[in-house]
Amino acid sequence: MTHVGSLDPLFLVRHSRRWRLWALFTVDERHPWLRFFYQAFFRFRVDPNRAAKGALHSQTLAAAVACLRRGGSIMVFPEGHRYWEGRLYAGVAKLAHRAGVPIVPVLLANAYVYRPGAEEAPLHRMVWCILRETRRQGGVVVHFADPIVPNPSLSERSDTERMMGVIERVFTVFYREAYGLPGPRWAGE
């Protein structure tokens, strides 16, 4: 799912009418009191801090794969926490390969697009800006691309590379058409 603003997961939950749609998340350390909200609604924590990634990510991936194998759905934001870094992360492809489930790319058109530095604003001001801009644009429209199916005959590394290449192409079109921005790039692991 493209991730260009803070309320993106809520727009997808509303559109899909699946009120328990899990997601991978990272805690915004500026607002640690949101940790409970994130854990309660999004379930699978990841951390951008390299020191914490090892153990946390292997536990998160194992739990997320188990959820997917039981028929669950998980929102994953391949561009990570900040879309303007312009890169894609392999977690979504690794999850799909390990669980044997397809990736369904999702685009939110008319969603508020954060600009670098916007996250420094006070939380109430950010939320107000997002709601005002979304209303001005006429509401969020959710688009689904064709599923990207993992190939179990490939190694995880080869299949991850293949799926991330497809995600890069899909997101490049999404970003250009919906946001007028270049899409994030897959640079490999």
C-alpha atoms as a PDB file:
ATOM      1  CA  MET A   1       0.000   0.000   0.000  1.00  0.00           C
ATOM      2  CA  THR A   2       1.336   3.443  -0.831  1.00  0.00           C
ATOM      3  CA  HIS A   3       2.058   5.376   2.335  1.00  0.00           C
ATOM      4  CA  VAL A   4       2.168   9.129   1.919  1.00  0.00           C
ATOM      5  CA  GLY A   5       0.309  10.261   5.041  1.00  0.00           C
ATOM      6  CA  SER A   6      -0.509   9.225   8.591  1.00  0.00           C
ATOM      7  CA  LEU A   7      -4.150   8.294   8.086  1.00  0.00           C
ATOM      8  CA  ASP A   8      -3.563   5.959   5.114  1.00  0.00           C
ATOM      9  CA  PRO A   9      -4.292   2.777   7.104  1.00  0.00           C
ATOM     10  CA  LEU A  10      -7.576   4.205   8.375  1.00  0.00           C
ATOM     11  CA  PHE A  11      -8.715   5.111   4.854  1.00  0.00           C
ATOM     12  CA  LEU A  12      -8.110   1.521   3.697  1.00  0.00           C
ATOM     13  CA  VAL A  13      -9.841   0.039   6.748  1.00  0.00           C
ATOM     14  CA  ARG A  14     -12.863   2.263   6.116  1.00  0.00           C
ATOM     15  CA  HIS A  15     -12.998   1.385   2.416  1.00  0.00           C
ATOM     16  CA  SER A  16     -12.520  -2.361   2.941  1.00  0.00           C
ATOM     17  CA  ARG A  17     -14.952  -2.474   5.878  1.00  0.00           C
ATOM     18  CA  ARG A  18     -12.568  -4.900   7.585  1.00  0.00           C
ATOM     19  CA  TRP A  19     -12.267  -3.292  10.974  1.00  0.00           C
ATOM     20  CA  ARG A  20      -9.513  -5.647  12.141  1.00  0.00           C
ATOM     21  CA  LEU A  21      -7.078  -5.202   9.252  1.00  0.00           C
ATOM     22  CA  TRP A  22      -3.566  -5.643  10.668  1.00  0.00           C
ATOM     23  CA  ALA A  23      -0.498  -3.698   9.582  1.00  0.00           C
ATOM     24  CA  LEU A  24       3.222  -3.565  10.099  1.00  0.00           C
ATOM     25  CA  PHE A  25       4.002  -0.387  12.014  1.00  0.00           C
ATOM     26  CA  THR A  26       6.734   1.646  13.589  1.00  0.00           C
ATOM     27  CA  VAL A  27       6.141   3.775  16.682  1.00  0.00           C
ATOM     28  CA  ASP A  28       6.541   7.501  16.196  1.00  0.00           C
ATOM     29  CA  GLU A  29       8.877   8.268  19.066  1.00  0.00           C
ATOM     30  CA  ARG A  30       7.647  11.877  19.215  1.00  0.00           C
ATOM     31  CA  HIS A  31       4.258  10.499  20.331  1.00  0.00           C
ATOM     32  CA  PRO A  32       5.052   7.412  22.449  1.00  0.00           C
ATOM     33  CA  TRP A  33       1.590   7.526  24.006  1.00  0.00           C
ATOM     34  CA  LEU A  34       0.309   6.290  20.603  1.00  0.00           C
ATOM     35  CA  ARG A  35       2.156   2.986  21.143  1.00  0.00           C
ATOM     36  CA  PHE A  36      -0.969   1.376  22.648  1.00  0.00           C
ATOM     37  CA  PHE A  37      -3.096   2.522  19.698  1.00  0.00           C
ATOM     38  CA  TYR A  38      -0.566   1.187  17.183  1.00  0.00           C
ATOM     39  CA  GLN A  39      -0.236  -2.146  18.971  1.00  0.00           C
ATOM     40  CA  ALA A  40      -3.983  -2.564  19.407  1.00  0.00           C
ATOM     41  CA  PHE A  41      -4.911  -1.772  15.822  1.00  0.00           C
ATOM     42  CA  PHE A  42      -1.869  -2.570  13.710  1.00  0.00           C
ATOM     43  CA  ARG A  43      -0.347  -5.496  15.634  1.00  0.00           C
ATOM     44  CA  PHE A  44       3.052  -6.138  13.977  1.00  0.00           C
ATOM     45  CA  ARG A  45       5.819  -3.783  15.093  1.00  0.00           C
ATOM     46  CA  VAL A  46       8.971  -3.054  13.096  1.00  0.00           C
ATOM     47  CA  ASP A  47      11.701  -0.612  14.018  1.00  0.00           C
ATOM     48  CA  PRO A  48      13.802   1.640  11.777  1.00  0.00           C
ATOM     49  CA  ASN A  49      16.645   1.482  14.317  1.00  0.00           C
ATOM     50  CA  ARG A  50      19.284  -0.915  12.946  1.00  0.00           C
ATOM     51  CA  ALA A  51      20.256  -2.089  16.451  1.00  0.00           C
ATOM     52  CA  ALA A  52      16.692  -3.221  17.198  1.00  0.00           C
ATOM     53  CA  LYS A  53      15.952  -4.740  13.786  1.00  0.00           C
ATOM     54  CA  GLY A  54      17.449  -8.218  14.186  1.00  0.00           C
ATOM     55  CA  ALA A  55      15.406  -9.893  16.916  1.00  0.00           C
ATOM     56  CA  LEU A  56      12.342  -7.678  16.590  1.00  0.00           C
ATOM     57  CA  HIS A  57      11.996  -8.190  12.848  1.00  0.00           C
ATOM     58  CA  SER A  58      12.452 -11.972  12.920  1.00  0.00           C
ATOM     59  CA  GLN A  59       9.754 -12.229  15.626  1.00  0.00           C
ATOM     60  CA  THR A  60       7.480  -9.847  13.715  1.00  0.00           C
ATOM     61  CA  LEU A  61       7.946 -11.690  10.419  1.00  0.00           C
ATOM     62  CA  ALA A  62       7.222 -15.054  12.036  1.00  0.00           C
ATOM     63  CA  ALA A  63       4.026 -13.750  13.666  1.00  0.00           C
ATOM     64  CA  ALA A  64       2.922 -12.000  10.458  1.00  0.00           C
ATOM     65  CA  VAL A  65       3.545 -15.118   8.338  1.00  0.00           C
ATOM     66  CA  ALA A  66       1.478 -17.188  10.788  1.00  0.00           C
ATOM     67  CA  CYS A  67      -1.354 -14.630  10.554  1.00  0.00           C
ATOM     68  CA  LEU A  68      -1.273 -14.727   6.736  1.00  0.00           C
ATOM     69  CA  ARG A  69      -1.238 -18.523   6.654  1.00  0.00           C
ATOM     70  CA  ARG A  70      -4.395 -18.500   8.802  1.00  0.00           C
ATOM     71  CA  GLY A  71      -6.104 -16.388   6.126  1.00  0.00           C
ATOM     72  CA  GLY A  72      -5.447 -12.942   7.601  1.00  0.00           C
ATOM     73  CA  SER A  73      -4.568  -9.766   5.722  1.00  0.00           C
ATOM     74  CA  ILE A  74      -1.802  -7.353   6.637  1.00  0.00           C
ATOM     75  CA  MET A  75      -1.164  -3.834   5.361  1.00  0.00           C
ATOM     76  CA  VAL A  76       2.490  -3.314   4.519  1.00  0.00           C
ATOM     77  CA  PHE A  77       4.019  -0.042   3.405  1.00  0.00           C
ATOM     78  CA  PRO A  78       6.943  -0.987   1.136  1.00  0.00           C
ATOM     79  CA  GLU A  79       8.316   2.561   1.207  1.00  0.00           C
ATOM     80  CA  GLY A  80       8.617   2.417   4.979  1.00  0.00           C
ATOM     81  CA  HIS A  81       7.957   5.277   7.357  1.00  0.00           C
ATOM     82  CA  ARG A  82       8.916   8.151   5.046  1.00  0.00           C
ATOM     83  CA  TYR A  83       7.953   7.894   1.385  1.00  0.00           C
ATOM     84  CA  TRP A  84      10.175  10.822   0.415  1.00  0.00           C
ATOM     85  CA  GLU A  85      13.276   8.738   1.053  1.00  0.00           C
ATOM     86  CA  GLY A  86      12.402   7.307  -2.361  1.00  0.00           C
ATOM     87  CA  ARG A  87      13.178   3.659  -1.626  1.00  0.00           C
ATOM     88  CA  LEU A  88      11.377   0.369  -1.173  1.00  0.00           C
ATOM     89  CA  TYR A  89      11.972  -2.219   1.547  1.00  0.00           C
ATOM     90  CA  ALA A  90      11.775  -5.980   0.985  1.00  0.00           C
ATOM     91  CA  GLY A  91       9.550  -6.916   3.950  1.00  0.00           C
ATOM     92  CA  VAL A  92       6.371  -7.183   1.884  1.00  0.00           C
ATOM     93  CA  ALA A  93       7.962  -9.588  -0.617  1.00  0.00           C
ATOM     94  CA  LYS A  94       9.561 -11.699   2.124  1.00  0.00           C
ATOM     95  CA  LEU A  95       6.199 -12.008   3.874  1.00  0.00           C
ATOM     96  CA  ALA A  96       4.458 -12.999   0.642  1.00  0.00           C
ATOM     97  CA  HIS A  97       7.099 -15.574  -0.257  1.00  0.00           C
ATOM     98  CA  ARG A  98       7.245 -17.159   3.212  1.00  0.00           C
ATOM     99  CA  ALA A  99       3.462 -17.275   3.639  1.00  0.00           C
ATOM    100  CA  GLY A 100       2.708 -18.203   0.017  1.00  0.00           C
ATOM    101  CA  VAL A 101       0.192 -15.385  -0.385  1.00  0.00           C
ATOM    102  CA  PRO A 102      -0.146 -12.686  -3.071  1.00  0.00           C
ATOM    103  CA  ILE A 103       0.695  -9.019  -2.647  1.00  0.00           C
ATOM    104  CA  VAL A 104      -2.144  -6.696  -3.689  1.00  0.00           C
ATOM    105  CA  PRO A 105      -0.732  -3.205  -4.332  1.00  0.00           C
ATOM    106  CA  VAL A 106      -3.069  -0.464  -3.095  1.00  0.00           C
ATOM    107  CA  LEU A 107      -3.068   3.228  -4.024  1.00  0.00           C
ATOM    108  CA  LEU A 108      -4.918   5.939  -2.175  1.00  0.00           C
ATOM    109  CA  ALA A 109      -5.757   8.706  -4.628  1.00  0.00           C
ATOM    110  CA  ASN A 110      -6.665  12.144  -3.240  1.00  0.00           C
ATOM    111  CA  ALA A 111      -5.024  11.243   0.071  1.00  0.00           C
ATOM    112  CA  TYR A 112      -3.094  13.933   1.868  1.00  0.00           C
ATOM    113  CA  VAL A 113       0.560  13.801   0.838  1.00  0.00           C
ATOM    114  CA  TYR A 114       3.041  14.625   3.577  1.00  0.00           C
ATOM    115  CA  ARG A 115       5.871  16.842   2.571  1.00  0.00           C
ATOM    116  CA  PRO A 116       9.289  16.446   4.170  1.00  0.00           C
ATOM    117  CA  GLY A 117       9.211  18.209   7.514  1.00  0.00           C
ATOM    118  CA  ALA A 118       5.409  18.003   7.892  1.00  0.00           C
ATOM    119  CA  GLU A 119       5.784  15.415  10.634  1.00  0.00           C
ATOM    120  CA  GLU A 120       7.428  18.047  12.812  1.00  0.00           C
ATOM    121  CA  ALA A 121       4.099  19.850  13.213  1.00  0.00           C
ATOM    122  CA  PRO A 122       2.074  19.234  16.386  1.00  0.00           C
ATOM    123  CA  LEU A 123      -0.134  16.147  16.082  1.00  0.00           C
ATOM    124  CA  HIS A 124      -3.451  18.032  16.245  1.00  0.00           C
ATOM    125  CA  ARG A 125      -2.303  20.401  13.480  1.00  0.00           C
ATOM    126  CA  MET A 126      -1.216  17.458  11.293  1.00  0.00           C
ATOM    127  CA  VAL A 127      -4.568  15.688  11.697  1.00  0.00           C
ATOM    128  CA  TRP A 128      -6.500  18.888  10.959  1.00  0.00           C
ATOM    129  CA  CYS A 129      -4.406  19.535   7.841  1.00  0.00           C
ATOM    130  CA  ILE A 130      -4.917  15.961   6.593  1.00  0.00           C
ATOM    131  CA  LEU A 131      -8.688  16.091   7.099  1.00  0.00           C
ATOM    132  CA  ARG A 132      -9.009  19.552   5.529  1.00  0.00           C
ATOM    133  CA  GLU A 133      -6.941  18.580   2.469  1.00  0.00           C
ATOM    134  CA  THR A 134      -8.777  15.273   2.013  1.00  0.00           C
ATOM    135  CA  ARG A 135     -12.133  17.025   2.148  1.00  0.00           C
ATOM    136  CA  ARG A 136     -10.928  19.685  -0.312  1.00  0.00           C
ATOM    137  CA  GLN A 137      -9.917  16.969  -2.775  1.00  0.00           C
ATOM    138  CA  GLY A 138     -13.295  15.276  -2.561  1.00  0.00           C
ATOM    139  CA  GLY A 139     -12.405  12.236  -0.497  1.00  0.00           C
ATOM    140  CA  VAL A 140      -9.975   9.383  -0.828  1.00  0.00           C
ATOM    141  CA  VAL A 141     -10.333   6.864  -3.648  1.00  0.00           C
ATOM    142  CA  VAL A 142      -8.827   3.401  -3.155  1.00  0.00           C
ATOM    143  CA  HIS A 143      -7.350   1.598  -6.192  1.00  0.00           C
ATOM    144  CA  PHE A 144      -6.155  -2.017  -6.270  1.00  0.00           C
ATOM    145  CA  ALA A 145      -3.585  -3.276  -8.770  1.00  0.00           C
ATOM    146  CA  ASP A 146      -3.332  -6.863  -9.995  1.00  0.00           C
ATOM    147  CA  PRO A 147      -2.010  -9.280  -7.370  1.00  0.00           C
ATOM    148  CA  ILE A 148       1.677 -10.153  -7.411  1.00  0.00           C
ATOM    149  CA  VAL A 149       1.916 -13.888  -6.757  1.00  0.00           C
ATOM    150  CA  PRO A 150       5.018 -15.414  -5.170  1.00  0.00           C
ATOM    151  CA  ASN A 151       6.826 -18.168  -7.049  1.00  0.00           C
ATOM    152  CA  PRO A 152       7.636 -20.995  -4.611  1.00  0.00           C
ATOM    153  CA  SER A 153      10.021 -22.598  -7.110  1.00  0.00           C
ATOM    154  CA  LEU A 154      12.386 -19.623  -6.712  1.00  0.00           C
ATOM    155  CA  SER A 155      14.637 -19.016  -3.745  1.00  0.00           C
ATOM    156  CA  GLU A 156      13.403 -16.369  -1.319  1.00  0.00           C
ATOM    157  CA  ARG A 157      16.104 -13.966  -2.501  1.00  0.00           C
ATOM    158  CA  SER A 158      15.285 -14.415  -6.220  1.00  0.00           C
ATOM    159  CA  ASP A 159      11.550 -14.205  -5.656  1.00  0.00           C
ATOM    160  CA  THR A 160      11.963 -11.121  -3.457  1.00  0.00           C
ATOM    161  CA  GLU A 161      13.962  -9.408  -6.212  1.00  0.00           C
ATOM    162  CA  ARG A 162      11.325 -10.309  -8.804  1.00  0.00           C
ATOM    163  CA  MET A 163       8.357  -9.156  -6.713  1.00  0.00           C
ATOM    164  CA  MET A 164      10.089  -5.932  -5.611  1.00  0.00           C
ATOM    165  CA  GLY A 165      10.787  -5.113  -9.279  1.00  0.00           C
ATOM    166  CA  VAL A 166       7.071  -5.473 -10.017  1.00  0.00           C
ATOM    167  CA  ILE A 167       6.155  -3.354  -6.987  1.00  0.00           C
ATOM    168  CA  GLU A 168       8.582  -0.665  -8.148  1.00  0.00           C
ATOM    169  CA  ARG A 169       6.932  -0.537 -11.585  1.00  0.00           C
ATOM    170  CA  VAL A 170       3.400  -0.445 -10.133  1.00  0.00           C
ATOM    171  CA  PHE A 171       4.271   2.212  -7.553  1.00  0.00           C
ATOM    172  CA  THR A 172       6.051   4.346 -10.169  1.00  0.00           C
ATOM    173  CA  VAL A 173       2.795   4.547 -12.144  1.00  0.00           C
ATOM    174  CA  PHE A 174       0.707   5.062  -8.971  1.00  0.00           C
ATOM    175  CA  TYR A 175       2.908   7.897  -7.705  1.00  0.00           C
ATOM    176  CA  ARG A 176       3.108   9.653 -11.069  1.00  0.00           C
ATOM    177  CA  GLU A 177      -0.634   9.499 -11.751  1.00  0.00           C
ATOM    178  CA  ALA A 178      -1.976  10.146  -8.246  1.00  0.00           C
ATOM    179  CA  TYR A 179       0.605  12.413  -6.655  1.00  0.00           C
ATOM    180  CA  GLY A 180       2.697  13.830  -9.500  1.00  0.00           C
ATOM    181  CA  LEU A 181       5.789  12.406  -7.790  1.00  0.00           C
ATOM    182  CA  PRO A 182       8.460   9.935  -8.823  1.00  0.00           C
ATOM    183  CA  GLY A 183       7.867   6.516  -7.345  1.00  0.00           C
ATOM    184  CA  PRO A 184      10.132   4.870  -4.796  1.00  0.00           C
ATOM    185  CA  ARG A 185      12.967   2.687  -6.102  1.00  0.00           C
ATOM    186  CA  TRP A 186      14.038  -0.839  -5.292  1.00  0.00           C
ATOM    187  CA  ALA A 187      17.791  -0.853  -4.767  1.00  0.00           C
ATOM    188  CA  GLY A 188      18.081  -4.490  -3.707  1.00  0.00           C
ATOM    189  CA  GLU A 189      19.069  -5.785  -0.332  1.00  0.00           C
END
